[in-house]
Amino acid sequence: MSRSLRSPEALDGGTLVECRPAAIDPTDRVRDLDQLSADDRRAFLSAVDGSAHSPEMDGLDSGDVVRFTEYYRVR
């Protein structure tokens, strides 16, 4: 899946927003995909590929960033 980073793109009704690495503050919590629980990882991947409409990710809070093929901020 490829998306342009010219402007942040909301995924899944605003649950995840693709973001540029330069937009990540040193104080932001950044997690690699493999650091997520199995359930959160499945929910994240479903949101990124468009098959989930409002994924529940208990291990992530609003403002957290997940590093996958791009960086995604949880909203």
C-alpha atoms as a PDB file:
ATOM      1  CA  MET A   1       0.000   0.000   0.000  1.00  0.00           C
ATOM      2  CA  SER A   2       1.459   3.330  -0.982  1.00  0.00           C
ATOM      3  CA  ARG A   3       0.169   6.747   0.008  1.00  0.00           C
ATOM      4  CA  SER A   4       1.477  10.209  -0.675  1.00  0.00           C
ATOM      5  CA  LEU A   5       2.796  12.067   2.353  1.00  0.00           C
ATOM      6  CA  ARG A   6       2.211  15.509   0.839  1.00  0.00           C
ATOM      7  CA  SER A   7      -0.707  15.935   3.193  1.00  0.00           C
ATOM      8  CA  PRO A   8      -1.589  13.685   6.104  1.00  0.00           C
ATOM      9  CA  GLU A   9      -4.252  11.216   5.103  1.00  0.00           C
ATOM     10  CA  ALA A  10      -6.777   9.972   7.600  1.00  0.00           C
ATOM     11  CA  LEU A  11      -7.362   6.263   7.526  1.00  0.00           C
ATOM     12  CA  ASP A  12     -10.469   4.604   8.763  1.00  0.00           C
ATOM     13  CA  GLY A  13     -12.546   7.644   9.630  1.00  0.00           C
ATOM     14  CA  GLY A  14      -9.748   9.398  11.495  1.00  0.00           C
ATOM     15  CA  THR A  15      -8.557   6.547  13.707  1.00  0.00           C
ATOM     16  CA  LEU A  16      -5.102   6.567  12.092  1.00  0.00           C
ATOM     17  CA  VAL A  17      -3.414   9.422  10.266  1.00  0.00           C
ATOM     18  CA  GLU A  18      -0.315   8.925   8.173  1.00  0.00           C
ATOM     19  CA  CYS A  19       2.355  11.386   9.300  1.00  0.00           C
ATOM     20  CA  ARG A  20       5.807  12.526   8.232  1.00  0.00           C
ATOM     21  CA  PRO A  21       8.793  11.580  10.398  1.00  0.00           C
ATOM     22  CA  ALA A  22       9.555  15.318  10.727  1.00  0.00           C
ATOM     23  CA  ALA A  23       6.147  15.804  12.406  1.00  0.00           C
ATOM     24  CA  ILE A  24       7.046  13.432  15.244  1.00  0.00           C
ATOM     25  CA  ASP A  25       8.176  15.156  18.442  1.00  0.00           C
ATOM     26  CA  PRO A  26      10.891  13.634  20.641  1.00  0.00           C
ATOM     27  CA  THR A  27       8.293  13.324  23.402  1.00  0.00           C
ATOM     28  CA  ASP A  28       5.838  11.314  21.231  1.00  0.00           C
ATOM     29  CA  ARG A  29       5.557   7.623  22.039  1.00  0.00           C
ATOM     30  CA  VAL A  30       6.655   5.752  18.907  1.00  0.00           C
ATOM     31  CA  ARG A  31       6.082   2.002  18.710  1.00  0.00           C
ATOM     32  CA  ASP A  32       7.214  -0.441  16.037  1.00  0.00           C
ATOM     33  CA  LEU A  33       4.526  -2.749  14.734  1.00  0.00           C
ATOM     34  CA  ASP A  34       6.202  -5.758  16.335  1.00  0.00           C
ATOM     35  CA  GLN A  35       5.990  -4.089  19.764  1.00  0.00           C
ATOM     36  CA  LEU A  36       2.186  -4.190  19.686  1.00  0.00           C
ATOM     37  CA  SER A  37       0.169  -7.017  21.191  1.00  0.00           C
ATOM     38  CA  ALA A  38      -1.159  -9.578  18.722  1.00  0.00           C
ATOM     39  CA  ASP A  39      -4.692  -8.097  18.989  1.00  0.00           C
ATOM     40  CA  ASP A  40      -3.485  -4.491  18.517  1.00  0.00           C
ATOM     41  CA  ARG A  41      -1.286  -5.562  15.598  1.00  0.00           C
ATOM     42  CA  ARG A  42      -4.262  -7.233  13.859  1.00  0.00           C
ATOM     43  CA  ALA A  43      -6.470  -4.169  14.468  1.00  0.00           C
ATOM     44  CA  PHE A  44      -3.761  -1.806  13.196  1.00  0.00           C
ATOM     45  CA  LEU A  45      -3.157  -3.831  10.027  1.00  0.00           C
ATOM     46  CA  SER A  46      -6.912  -4.051   9.381  1.00  0.00           C
ATOM     47  CA  ALA A  47      -7.188  -0.264   9.657  1.00  0.00           C
ATOM     48  CA  VAL A  48      -4.226   0.313   7.344  1.00  0.00           C
ATOM     49  CA  ASP A  49      -5.514  -2.060   4.666  1.00  0.00           C
ATOM     50  CA  GLY A  50      -9.038  -0.611   4.960  1.00  0.00           C
ATOM     51  CA  SER A  51     -10.874  -3.690   6.191  1.00  0.00           C
ATOM     52  CA  ALA A  52     -11.737  -2.292   9.661  1.00  0.00           C
ATOM     53  CA  HIS A  53     -13.873   0.779  10.221  1.00  0.00           C
ATOM     54  CA  SER A  54     -13.099   1.528  13.862  1.00  0.00           C
ATOM     55  CA  PRO A  55     -10.363  -0.703  15.237  1.00  0.00           C
ATOM     56  CA  GLU A  56      -9.972  -1.053  18.991  1.00  0.00           C
ATOM     57  CA  MET A  57      -6.339  -0.875  20.057  1.00  0.00           C
ATOM     58  CA  ASP A  58      -6.075  -1.095  23.830  1.00  0.00           C
ATOM     59  CA  GLY A  59      -2.288  -0.674  23.928  1.00  0.00           C
ATOM     60  CA  LEU A  60      -2.293   2.612  22.008  1.00  0.00           C
ATOM     61  CA  ASP A  61      -3.465   6.039  23.089  1.00  0.00           C
ATOM     62  CA  SER A  62      -4.411   9.096  21.066  1.00  0.00           C
ATOM     63  CA  GLY A  63      -1.210  10.769  19.885  1.00  0.00           C
ATOM     64  CA  ASP A  64       0.863   7.575  19.822  1.00  0.00           C
ATOM     65  CA  VAL A  65       2.776   6.848  16.622  1.00  0.00           C
ATOM     66  CA  VAL A  66       3.188   3.420  15.039  1.00  0.00           C
ATOM     67  CA  ARG A  67       6.091   2.802  12.679  1.00  0.00           C
ATOM     68  CA  PHE A  68       5.172   0.341   9.921  1.00  0.00           C
ATOM     69  CA  THR A  69       5.772   0.956   6.191  1.00  0.00           C
ATOM     70  CA  GLU A  70       5.092   4.618   7.053  1.00  0.00           C
ATOM     71  CA  TYR A  71       4.435   6.403  10.333  1.00  0.00           C
ATOM     72  CA  TYR A  72       0.832   6.481  11.565  1.00  0.00           C
ATOM     73  CA  ARG A  73      -0.490   8.636  14.405  1.00  0.00           C
ATOM     74  CA  VAL A  74      -3.413   7.309  16.452  1.00  0.00           C
ATOM     75  CA  ARG A  75      -6.286   9.807  16.663  1.00  0.00           C
END
